[in-house]
PDB file of all heavy atoms in Angstrom:
ATOM      1  N   ASP A   1       0.819  -1.225  -0.059  1.00  0.00           N
ATOM      2  CA  ASP A   1      -0.006   0.012  -0.042  1.00  0.00           C
ATOM      3  C   ASP A   1       0.791   1.294   0.012  1.00  0.00           C
ATOM      4  O   ASP A   1       0.594   2.234  -0.636  1.00  0.00           O
ATOM      5  CB  ASP A   1      -0.896   0.008   1.260  1.00  0.00           C
ATOM      6  CG  ASP A   1      -0.192  -0.168   2.507  1.00  0.00           C
ATOM      7  OD1 ASP A   1       0.791  -0.985   2.573  1.00  0.00           O
ATOM      8  OD2 ASP A   1      -0.541   0.613   3.486  1.00  0.00           O
ATOM      9  N   LEU A   2       1.968   1.226   0.648  1.00  0.00           N
ATOM     10  CA  LEU A   2       2.927   2.331   0.750  1.00  0.00           C
ATOM     11  C   LEU A   2       3.550   2.522  -0.560  1.00  0.00           C
ATOM     12  O   LEU A   2       3.787   3.751  -1.088  1.00  0.00           O
ATOM     13  CB  LEU A   2       3.988   2.218   1.815  1.00  0.00           C
ATOM     14  CG  LEU A   2       3.467   2.073   3.259  1.00  0.00           C
ATOM     15  CD1 LEU A   2       4.590   2.089   4.250  1.00  0.00           C
ATOM     16  CD2 LEU A   2       2.454   3.243   3.539  1.00  0.00           C
ATOM     17  N   ASN A   3       3.950   1.479  -1.265  1.00  0.00           N
ATOM     18  CA  ASN A   3       4.493   1.617  -2.654  1.00  0.00           C
ATOM     19  C   ASN A   3       3.440   2.219  -3.565  1.00  0.00           C
ATOM     20  O   ASN A   3       3.869   3.028  -4.449  1.00  0.00           O
ATOM     21  CB  ASN A   3       5.021   0.342  -3.187  1.00  0.00           C
ATOM     22  CG  ASN A   3       6.275  -0.149  -2.437  1.00  0.00           C
ATOM     23  OD1 ASN A   3       6.176  -1.070  -1.536  1.00  0.00           O
ATOM     24  ND2 ASN A   3       7.427   0.357  -2.708  1.00  0.00           N
ATOM     25  N   ALA A   4       2.243   1.763  -3.488  1.00  0.00           N
ATOM     26  CA  ALA A   4       1.187   2.174  -4.361  1.00  0.00           C
ATOM     27  C   ALA A   4       0.995   3.714  -4.107  1.00  0.00           C
ATOM     28  O   ALA A   4       0.779   4.529  -5.145  1.00  0.00           O
ATOM     29  CB  ALA A   4      -0.047   1.406  -4.068  1.00  0.00           C
ATOM     30  N   ALA A   5       0.989   4.148  -2.890  1.00  0.00           N
ATOM     31  CA  ALA A   5       0.744   5.558  -2.454  1.00  0.00           C
ATOM     32  C   ALA A   5       1.937   6.318  -3.143  1.00  0.00           C
ATOM     33  O   ALA A   5       1.686   7.469  -3.694  1.00  0.00           O
ATOM     34  CB  ALA A   5       0.584   5.672  -1.061  1.00  0.00           C
ATOM     35  N   ARG A   6       3.154   5.842  -3.004  1.00  0.00           N
ATOM     36  CA  ARG A   6       4.306   6.676  -3.428  1.00  0.00           C
ATOM     37  C   ARG A   6       4.253   6.737  -4.932  1.00  0.00           C
ATOM     38  O   ARG A   6       4.593   7.796  -5.456  1.00  0.00           O
ATOM     39  CB  ARG A   6       5.626   6.038  -2.928  1.00  0.00           C
ATOM     40  CG  ARG A   6       6.898   6.869  -3.173  1.00  0.00           C
ATOM     41  CD  ARG A   6       8.078   6.393  -2.450  1.00  0.00           C
ATOM     42  NE  ARG A   6       8.481   5.040  -2.972  1.00  0.00           N
ATOM     43  CZ  ARG A   6       9.449   4.353  -2.523  1.00  0.00           C
ATOM     44  NH1 ARG A   6      10.115   4.757  -1.395  1.00  0.00           N
ATOM     45  NH2 ARG A   6       9.715   3.131  -2.982  1.00  0.00           N
ATOM     46  N   MET A   7       3.960   5.688  -5.621  1.00  0.00           N
ATOM     47  CA  MET A   7       3.893   5.742  -7.135  1.00  0.00           C
ATOM     48  C   MET A   7       2.830   6.700  -7.538  1.00  0.00           C
ATOM     49  O   MET A   7       2.965   7.494  -8.467  1.00  0.00           O
ATOM     50  CB  MET A   7       3.598   4.343  -7.646  1.00  0.00           C
ATOM     51  CG  MET A   7       3.810   4.334  -9.182  1.00  0.00           C
ATOM     52  SD  MET A   7       4.025   2.664  -9.881  1.00  0.00           S
ATOM     53  CE  MET A   7       4.464   3.087 -11.617  1.00  0.00           C
ATOM     54  N   THR A   8       1.607   6.808  -6.792  1.00  0.00           N
ATOM     55  CA  THR A   8       0.602   7.718  -7.151  1.00  0.00           C
ATOM     56  C   THR A   8       1.144   9.169  -6.956  1.00  0.00           C
ATOM     57  O   THR A   8       0.786   9.939  -7.884  1.00  0.00           O
ATOM     58  CB  THR A   8      -0.578   7.466  -6.233  1.00  0.00           C
ATOM     59  OG1 THR A   8      -1.166   6.145  -6.447  1.00  0.00           O
ATOM     60  CG2 THR A   8      -1.663   8.554  -6.415  1.00  0.00           C
ATOM     61  N   SER A   9       1.928   9.417  -5.987  1.00  0.00           N
ATOM     62  CA  SER A   9       2.502  10.718  -5.762  1.00  0.00           C
ATOM     63  C   SER A   9       3.479  11.126  -6.910  1.00  0.00           C
ATOM     64  O   SER A   9       3.470  12.094  -7.423  1.00  0.00           O
ATOM     65  CB  SER A   9       3.278  10.683  -4.418  1.00  0.00           C
ATOM     66  OG  SER A   9       3.904  11.960  -4.191  1.00  0.00           O
ATOM     67  N   SER A  10       4.222  10.048  -7.360  1.00  0.00           N
ATOM     68  CA  SER A  10       5.177  10.307  -8.475  1.00  0.00           C
ATOM     69  C   SER A  10       4.367  10.578  -9.730  1.00  0.00           C
ATOM     70  O   SER A  10       4.664  11.530 -10.495  1.00  0.00           O
ATOM     71  CB  SER A  10       6.013   9.164  -8.733  1.00  0.00           C
ATOM     72  OG  SER A  10       6.930   8.834  -7.514  1.00  0.00           O
ATOM     73  N   LEU A  11       3.361   9.772 -10.017  1.00  0.00           N
ATOM     74  CA  LEU A  11       2.466  10.054 -11.186  1.00  0.00           C
ATOM     75  C   LEU A  11       1.806  11.400 -11.119  1.00  0.00           C
ATOM     76  O   LEU A  11       1.769  12.101 -12.141  1.00  0.00           O
ATOM     77  CB  LEU A  11       1.385   9.006 -11.242  1.00  0.00           C
ATOM     78  CG  LEU A  11       1.925   7.616 -11.674  1.00  0.00           C
ATOM     79  CD1 LEU A  11       0.845   6.525 -11.324  1.00  0.00           C
ATOM     80  CD2 LEU A  11       2.307   7.497 -13.180  1.00  0.00           C
ATOM     81  N   GLU A  12       1.359  11.869 -10.060  1.00  0.00           N
ATOM     82  CA  GLU A  12       0.738  13.182  -9.912  1.00  0.00           C
ATOM     83  C   GLU A  12       1.655  14.278 -10.084  1.00  0.00           C
ATOM     84  O   GLU A  12       1.308  15.293 -10.823  1.00  0.00           O
ATOM     85  CB  GLU A  12       0.095  13.341  -8.556  1.00  0.00           C
ATOM     86  CG  GLU A  12      -1.177  12.440  -8.272  1.00  0.00           C
ATOM     87  CD  GLU A  12      -1.711  12.442  -6.894  1.00  0.00           C
ATOM     88  OE1 GLU A  12      -0.949  12.951  -5.989  1.00  0.00           O
ATOM     89  OE2 GLU A  12      -2.826  12.085  -6.633  1.00  0.00           O
ATOM     90  N   ARG A  13       2.910  14.052  -9.691  1.00  0.00           N
ATOM     91  CA  ARG A  13       3.924  15.116  -9.889  1.00  0.00           C
ATOM     92  C   ARG A  13       4.248  15.274 -11.368  1.00  0.00           C
ATOM     93  O   ARG A  13       4.529  16.467 -11.836  1.00  0.00           O
ATOM     94  CB  ARG A  13       5.257  14.631  -9.145  1.00  0.00           C
ATOM     95  CG  ARG A  13       6.361  15.673  -9.304  1.00  0.00           C
ATOM     96  CD  ARG A  13       6.025  16.974  -8.573  1.00  0.00           C
ATOM     97  NE  ARG A  13       7.182  17.835  -8.483  1.00  0.00           N
ATOM     98  CZ  ARG A  13       7.500  18.687  -9.448  1.00  0.00           C
ATOM     99  NH1 ARG A  13       6.890  18.830 -10.543  1.00  0.00           N
ATOM    100  NH2 ARG A  13       8.515  19.587  -9.236  1.00  0.00           N
ATOM    101  N   LEU A  14       4.082  14.235 -12.192  1.00  0.00           N
ATOM    102  CA  LEU A  14       4.283  14.290 -13.625  1.00  0.00           C
ATOM    103  C   LEU A  14       3.069  14.491 -14.454  1.00  0.00           C
ATOM    104  O   LEU A  14       3.040  14.474 -15.698  1.00  0.00           O
ATOM    105  CB  LEU A  14       4.896  12.903 -14.065  1.00  0.00           C
ATOM    106  CG  LEU A  14       6.289  12.622 -13.396  1.00  0.00           C
ATOM    107  CD1 LEU A  14       6.743  11.217 -13.867  1.00  0.00           C
ATOM    108  CD2 LEU A  14       7.294  13.598 -13.768  1.00  0.00           C
ATOM    109  N   ARG A  15       1.924  14.638 -13.826  1.00  0.00           N
ATOM    110  CA  ARG A  15       0.561  14.668 -14.367  1.00  0.00           C
ATOM    111  C   ARG A  15       0.299  13.528 -15.252  1.00  0.00           C
ATOM    112  O   ARG A  15      -0.252  13.678 -16.427  1.00  0.00           O
ATOM    113  CB  ARG A  15       0.457  16.078 -15.146  1.00  0.00           C
ATOM    114  CG  ARG A  15       0.358  17.170 -14.283  1.00  0.00           C
ATOM    115  CD  ARG A  15      -0.953  17.315 -13.550  1.00  0.00           C
ATOM    116  NE  ARG A  15      -2.073  17.380 -14.358  1.00  0.00           N
ATOM    117  CZ  ARG A  15      -3.402  17.256 -13.954  1.00  0.00           C
ATOM    118  NH1 ARG A  15      -3.680  17.007 -12.726  1.00  0.00           N
ATOM    119  NH2 ARG A  15      -4.347  17.452 -14.908  1.00  0.00           N
ATOM    120  N   MET A  16       0.582  12.373 -14.766  1.00  0.00           N
ATOM    121  CA  MET A  16       0.277  11.114 -15.488  1.00  0.00           C
ATOM    122  C   MET A  16      -0.897  10.535 -14.768  1.00  0.00           C
ATOM    123  O   MET A  16      -1.156  10.810 -13.578  1.00  0.00           O
ATOM    124  CB  MET A  16       1.511  10.202 -15.447  1.00  0.00           C
ATOM    125  CG  MET A  16       2.691  10.777 -16.358  1.00  0.00           C
ATOM    126  SD  MET A  16       4.184   9.773 -16.304  1.00  0.00           S
ATOM    127  CE  MET A  16       3.719   8.356 -17.308  1.00  0.00           C
ATOM    128  N   PRO A  17      -1.561   9.564 -15.491  1.00  0.00           N
ATOM    129  CA  PRO A  17      -2.789   9.028 -14.863  1.00  0.00           C
ATOM    130  C   PRO A  17      -2.456   8.051 -13.627  1.00  0.00           C
ATOM    131  O   PRO A  17      -1.430   7.481 -13.602  1.00  0.00           O
ATOM    132  CB  PRO A  17      -3.311   8.124 -15.930  1.00  0.00           C
ATOM    133  CG  PRO A  17      -2.268   7.826 -16.914  1.00  0.00           C
ATOM    134  CD  PRO A  17      -1.321   9.046 -16.846  1.00  0.00           C
ATOM    135  N   THR A  18      -3.328   8.092 -12.684  1.00  0.00           N
ATOM    136  CA  THR A  18      -3.166   7.338 -11.411  1.00  0.00           C
ATOM    137  C   THR A  18      -4.137   6.141 -11.452  1.00  0.00           C
ATOM    138  O   THR A  18      -4.860   5.883 -12.364  1.00  0.00           O
ATOM    139  CB  THR A  18      -3.407   8.247 -10.226  1.00  0.00           C
ATOM    140  OG1 THR A  18      -4.768   8.868 -10.272  1.00  0.00           O
ATOM    141  CG2 THR A  18      -2.352   9.333 -10.200  1.00  0.00           C
ATOM    142  N   PHE A  19      -4.199   5.460 -10.325  1.00  0.00           N
ATOM    143  CA  PHE A  19      -5.024   4.278 -10.206  1.00  0.00           C
ATOM    144  C   PHE A  19      -5.385   4.129  -8.724  1.00  0.00           C
ATOM    145  O   PHE A  19      -4.756   4.678  -7.783  1.00  0.00           O
ATOM    146  CB  PHE A  19      -4.249   3.000 -10.672  1.00  0.00           C
ATOM    147  CG  PHE A  19      -2.864   2.983 -10.188  1.00  0.00           C
ATOM    148  CD1 PHE A  19      -2.316   2.867  -8.953  1.00  0.00           C
ATOM    149  CD2 PHE A  19      -1.855   3.097 -11.195  1.00  0.00           C
ATOM    150  CE1 PHE A  19      -1.047   2.840  -8.626  1.00  0.00           C
ATOM    151  CE2 PHE A  19      -0.555   3.143 -10.859  1.00  0.00           C
ATOM    152  CZ  PHE A  19      -0.101   3.036  -9.613  1.00  0.00           C
ATOM    153  N   GLU A  20      -6.244   3.213  -8.421  1.00  0.00           N
ATOM    154  CA  GLU A  20      -6.651   2.849  -7.024  1.00  0.00           C
ATOM    155  C   GLU A  20      -5.653   1.902  -6.588  1.00  0.00           C
ATOM    156  O   GLU A  20      -5.241   0.913  -7.233  1.00  0.00           O
ATOM    157  CB  GLU A  20      -8.041   2.218  -6.993  1.00  0.00           C
ATOM    158  CG  GLU A  20      -9.216   3.192  -7.323  1.00  0.00           C
ATOM    159  CD  GLU A  20      -9.275   4.229  -6.240  1.00  0.00           C
ATOM    160  OE1 GLU A  20      -9.010   3.970  -5.012  1.00  0.00           O
ATOM    161  OE2 GLU A  20      -9.750   5.334  -6.543  1.00  0.00           O
ATOM    162  N   ALA A  21      -5.146   2.125  -5.360  1.00  0.00           N
ATOM    163  CA  ALA A  21      -4.067   1.328  -4.781  1.00  0.00           C
ATOM    164  C   ALA A  21      -4.417  -0.276  -4.688  1.00  0.00           C
ATOM    165  O   ALA A  21      -3.624  -1.053  -5.030  1.00  0.00           O
ATOM    166  CB  ALA A  21      -3.627   1.770  -3.379  1.00  0.00           C
ATOM    167  N   VAL A  22      -5.704  -0.514  -4.342  1.00  0.00           N
ATOM    168  CA  VAL A  22      -6.039  -1.926  -4.239  1.00  0.00           C
ATOM    169  C   VAL A  22      -5.991  -2.621  -5.594  1.00  0.00           C
ATOM    170  O   VAL A  22      -5.527  -3.714  -5.697  1.00  0.00           O
ATOM    171  CB  VAL A  22      -7.513  -2.040  -3.616  1.00  0.00           C
ATOM    172  CG1 VAL A  22      -8.039  -3.452  -3.623  1.00  0.00           C
ATOM    173  CG2 VAL A  22      -7.504  -1.475  -2.193  1.00  0.00           C
ATOM    174  N   ALA A  23      -6.461  -1.989  -6.618  1.00  0.00           N
ATOM    175  CA  ALA A  23      -6.427  -2.501  -7.952  1.00  0.00           C
ATOM    176  C   ALA A  23      -4.960  -2.685  -8.385  1.00  0.00           C
ATOM    177  O   ALA A  23      -4.712  -3.835  -9.064  1.00  0.00           O
ATOM    178  CB  ALA A  23      -7.162  -1.622  -8.966  1.00  0.00           C
ATOM    179  N   PHE A  24      -4.174  -1.748  -8.095  1.00  0.00           N
ATOM    180  CA  PHE A  24      -2.747  -1.913  -8.491  1.00  0.00           C
ATOM    181  C   PHE A  24      -2.064  -3.175  -7.827  1.00  0.00           C
ATOM    182  O   PHE A  24      -1.371  -3.888  -8.492  1.00  0.00           O
ATOM    183  CB  PHE A  24      -2.006  -0.605  -8.140  1.00  0.00           C
ATOM    184  CG  PHE A  24      -0.499  -0.583  -8.170  1.00  0.00           C
ATOM    185  CD1 PHE A  24       0.075  -0.589  -9.487  1.00  0.00           C
ATOM    186  CD2 PHE A  24       0.219  -0.586  -7.080  1.00  0.00           C
ATOM    187  CE1 PHE A  24       1.443  -0.629  -9.656  1.00  0.00           C
ATOM    188  CE2 PHE A  24       1.661  -0.563  -7.246  1.00  0.00           C
ATOM    189  CZ  PHE A  24       2.322  -0.568  -8.431  1.00  0.00           C
ATOM    190  N   VAL A  25      -2.289  -3.253  -6.533  1.00  0.00           N
ATOM    191  CA  VAL A  25      -1.732  -4.334  -5.779  1.00  0.00           C
ATOM    192  C   VAL A  25      -2.316  -5.748  -6.319  1.00  0.00           C
ATOM    193  O   VAL A  25      -1.533  -6.693  -6.408  1.00  0.00           O
ATOM    194  CB  VAL A  25      -2.013  -4.270  -4.272  1.00  0.00           C
ATOM    195  CG1 VAL A  25      -1.526  -5.509  -3.499  1.00  0.00           C
ATOM    196  CG2 VAL A  25      -1.268  -2.987  -3.770  1.00  0.00           C
ATOM    197  N   GLU A  26      -3.550  -5.768  -6.719  1.00  0.00           N
ATOM    198  CA  GLU A  26      -4.118  -7.082  -7.181  1.00  0.00           C
ATOM    199  C   GLU A  26      -3.546  -7.380  -8.565  1.00  0.00           C
ATOM    200  O   GLU A  26      -3.163  -8.584  -8.831  1.00  0.00           O
ATOM    201  CB  GLU A  26      -5.691  -6.850  -7.412  1.00  0.00           C
ATOM    202  CG  GLU A  26      -6.455  -6.899  -6.077  1.00  0.00           C
ATOM    203  CD  GLU A  26      -6.182  -8.137  -5.218  1.00  0.00           C
ATOM    204  OE1 GLU A  26      -6.118  -9.195  -5.783  1.00  0.00           O
ATOM    205  OE2 GLU A  26      -6.060  -7.802  -3.999  1.00  0.00           O
ATOM    206  N   CYS A  27      -3.112  -6.411  -9.355  1.00  0.00           N
ATOM    207  CA  CYS A  27      -2.508  -6.720 -10.630  1.00  0.00           C
ATOM    208  C   CYS A  27      -1.034  -7.293 -10.359  1.00  0.00           C
ATOM    209  O   CYS A  27      -0.560  -8.198 -11.088  1.00  0.00           O
ATOM    210  CB  CYS A  27      -2.389  -5.476 -11.478  1.00  0.00           C
ATOM    211  SG  CYS A  27      -3.945  -4.822 -12.112  1.00  0.00           S
ATOM    212  N   LEU A  28      -0.363  -6.758  -9.339  1.00  0.00           N
ATOM    213  CA  LEU A  28       0.903  -7.287  -8.982  1.00  0.00           C
ATOM    214  C   LEU A  28       0.807  -8.735  -8.395  1.00  0.00           C
ATOM    215  O   LEU A  28       1.651  -9.571  -8.788  1.00  0.00           O
ATOM    216  CB  LEU A  28       1.583  -6.420  -8.025  1.00  0.00           C
ATOM    217  CG  LEU A  28       1.840  -4.942  -8.388  1.00  0.00           C
ATOM    218  CD1 LEU A  28       2.686  -4.210  -7.321  1.00  0.00           C
ATOM    219  CD2 LEU A  28       2.539  -4.849  -9.609  1.00  0.00           C
ATOM    220  N   LYS A  29      -0.227  -9.106  -7.629  1.00  0.00           N
ATOM    221  CA  LYS A  29      -0.504 -10.305  -7.143  1.00  0.00           C
ATOM    222  C   LYS A  29      -0.732 -11.314  -8.315  1.00  0.00           C
ATOM    223  O   LYS A  29      -0.251 -12.460  -8.318  1.00  0.00           O
ATOM    224  CB  LYS A  29      -1.678 -10.367  -6.177  1.00  0.00           C
ATOM    225  CG  LYS A  29      -1.415  -9.686  -4.874  1.00  0.00           C
ATOM    226  CD  LYS A  29      -2.763  -9.785  -4.032  1.00  0.00           C
ATOM    227  CE  LYS A  29      -2.547  -9.335  -2.661  1.00  0.00           C
ATOM    228  NZ  LYS A  29      -3.805  -9.467  -1.800  1.00  0.00           N
ATOM    229  N   ALA A  30      -1.452 -10.813  -9.318  1.00  0.00           N
ATOM    230  CA  ALA A  30      -1.690 -11.674 -10.506  1.00  0.00           C
ATOM    231  C   ALA A  30      -0.302 -12.110 -11.134  1.00  0.00           C
ATOM    232  O   ALA A  30      -0.231 -13.272 -11.602  1.00  0.00           O
ATOM    233  CB  ALA A  30      -2.515 -10.907 -11.484  1.00  0.00           C
ATOM    234  N   LEU A  31       0.592 -11.226 -11.335  1.00  0.00           N
ATOM    235  CA  LEU A  31       1.856 -11.541 -11.812  1.00  0.00           C
ATOM    236  C   LEU A  31       2.577 -12.471 -10.944  1.00  0.00           C
ATOM    237  O   LEU A  31       3.249 -13.460 -11.288  1.00  0.00           O
ATOM    238  CB  LEU A  31       2.753 -10.204 -12.031  1.00  0.00           C
ATOM    239  CG  LEU A  31       4.166 -10.487 -12.407  1.00  0.00           C
ATOM    240  CD1 LEU A  31       4.242 -11.155 -13.748  1.00  0.00           C
ATOM    241  CD2 LEU A  31       4.893  -9.019 -12.399  1.00  0.00           C
ATOM    242  N   LEU A  32       2.585 -12.227  -9.620  1.00  0.00           N
ATOM    243  CA  LEU A  32       3.212 -13.147  -8.650  1.00  0.00           C
ATOM    244  C   LEU A  32       2.617 -14.530  -8.798  1.00  0.00           C
ATOM    245  O   LEU A  32       3.326 -15.527  -8.578  1.00  0.00           O
ATOM    246  CB  LEU A  32       3.204 -12.587  -7.257  1.00  0.00           C
ATOM    247  CG  LEU A  32       4.156 -11.489  -7.004  1.00  0.00           C
ATOM    248  CD1 LEU A  32       3.793 -10.631  -5.736  1.00  0.00           C
ATOM    249  CD2 LEU A  32       5.578 -11.983  -6.791  1.00  0.00           C
ATOM    250  N   ARG A  33       1.356 -14.683  -8.882  1.00  0.00           N
ATOM    251  CA  ARG A  33       0.763 -15.972  -9.037  1.00  0.00           C
ATOM    252  C   ARG A  33       1.201 -16.716 -10.221  1.00  0.00           C
ATOM    253  O   ARG A  33       1.469 -17.938 -10.199  1.00  0.00           O
ATOM    254  CB  ARG A  33      -0.815 -15.852  -8.985  1.00  0.00           C
ATOM    255  CG  ARG A  33      -1.443 -15.449  -7.644  1.00  0.00           C
ATOM    256  CD  ARG A  33      -2.967 -15.581  -7.750  1.00  0.00           C
ATOM    257  NE  ARG A  33      -3.561 -14.853  -6.567  1.00  0.00           N
ATOM    258  CZ  ARG A  33      -4.013 -13.630  -6.681  1.00  0.00           C
ATOM    259  NH1 ARG A  33      -3.927 -12.974  -7.844  1.00  0.00           N
ATOM    260  NH2 ARG A  33      -4.612 -13.045  -5.595  1.00  0.00           N
ATOM    261  N   GLU A  34       1.285 -15.999 -11.287  1.00  0.00           N
ATOM    262  CA  GLU A  34       1.750 -16.604 -12.600  1.00  0.00           C
ATOM    263  C   GLU A  34       3.225 -17.021 -12.531  1.00  0.00           C
ATOM    264  O   GLU A  34       3.555 -18.132 -13.036  1.00  0.00           O
ATOM    265  CB  GLU A  34       1.541 -15.613 -13.718  1.00  0.00           C
ATOM    266  CG  GLU A  34       1.594 -16.262 -15.089  1.00  0.00           C
ATOM    267  CD  GLU A  34       0.553 -17.318 -15.384  1.00  0.00           C
ATOM    268  OE1 GLU A  34      -0.588 -17.177 -14.854  1.00  0.00           O
ATOM    269  OE2 GLU A  34       0.823 -18.336 -15.973  1.00  0.00           O
ATOM    270  N   ASP A  35       4.007 -16.266 -11.785  1.00  0.00           N
ATOM    271  CA  ASP A  35       5.460 -16.624 -11.712  1.00  0.00           C
ATOM    272  C   ASP A  35       5.845 -16.918 -10.317  1.00  0.00           C
ATOM    273  O   ASP A  35       6.985 -16.542  -9.898  1.00  0.00           O
ATOM    274  CB  ASP A  35       6.350 -15.390 -12.264  1.00  0.00           C
ATOM    275  CG  ASP A  35       6.291 -15.326 -13.774  1.00  0.00           C
ATOM    276  OD1 ASP A  35       5.733 -16.299 -14.359  1.00  0.00           O
ATOM    277  OD2 ASP A  35       6.833 -14.360 -14.312  1.00  0.00           O
ATOM    278  N   ALA A  36       5.069 -17.570  -9.632  1.00  0.00           N
ATOM    279  CA  ALA A  36       5.305 -17.887  -8.164  1.00  0.00           C
ATOM    280  C   ALA A  36       6.651 -18.712  -8.036  1.00  0.00           C
ATOM    281  O   ALA A  36       7.350 -18.586  -7.069  1.00  0.00           O
ATOM    282  CB  ALA A  36       4.105 -18.733  -7.636  1.00  0.00           C
ATOM    283  N   GLY A  37       6.994 -19.542  -9.085  1.00  0.00           N
ATOM    284  CA  GLY A  37       8.165 -20.319  -8.941  1.00  0.00           C
ATOM    285  C   GLY A  37       9.412 -19.507  -9.032  1.00  0.00           C
ATOM    286  O   GLY A  37      10.492 -20.055  -8.685  1.00  0.00           O
ATOM    287  N   TRP A  38       9.290 -18.172  -9.285  1.00  0.00           N
ATOM    288  CA  TRP A  38      10.405 -17.270  -9.471  1.00  0.00           C
ATOM    289  C   TRP A  38      10.699 -16.498  -8.062  1.00  0.00           C
ATOM    290  O   TRP A  38      11.556 -15.692  -8.147  1.00  0.00           O
ATOM    291  CB  TRP A  38      10.273 -16.424 -10.652  1.00  0.00           C
ATOM    292  CG  TRP A  38      10.321 -16.971 -11.980  1.00  0.00           C
ATOM    293  CD1 TRP A  38       9.444 -17.705 -12.613  1.00  0.00           C
ATOM    294  CD2 TRP A  38      11.493 -16.973 -12.760  1.00  0.00           C
ATOM    295  NE1 TRP A  38       9.832 -18.212 -13.790  1.00  0.00           N
ATOM    296  CE2 TRP A  38      11.254 -17.736 -13.993  1.00  0.00           C
ATOM    297  CE3 TRP A  38      12.677 -16.410 -12.753  1.00  0.00           C
ATOM    298  CZ2 TRP A  38      12.068 -17.969 -15.006  1.00  0.00           C
ATOM    299  CZ3 TRP A  38      13.685 -16.681 -13.772  1.00  0.00           C
ATOM    300  CH2 TRP A  38      13.340 -17.379 -14.910  1.00  0.00           C
TER     301      TRP A  38
END
């Protein structure tokens, strides 16, 4: 959640689109599930 909040802050500083933290973390979880062996 802290990484998501910090990335949101960085995106806002650059006027780039942001996202909901929960959705962002779920996307990362999906990657980890797919590559759990790594």
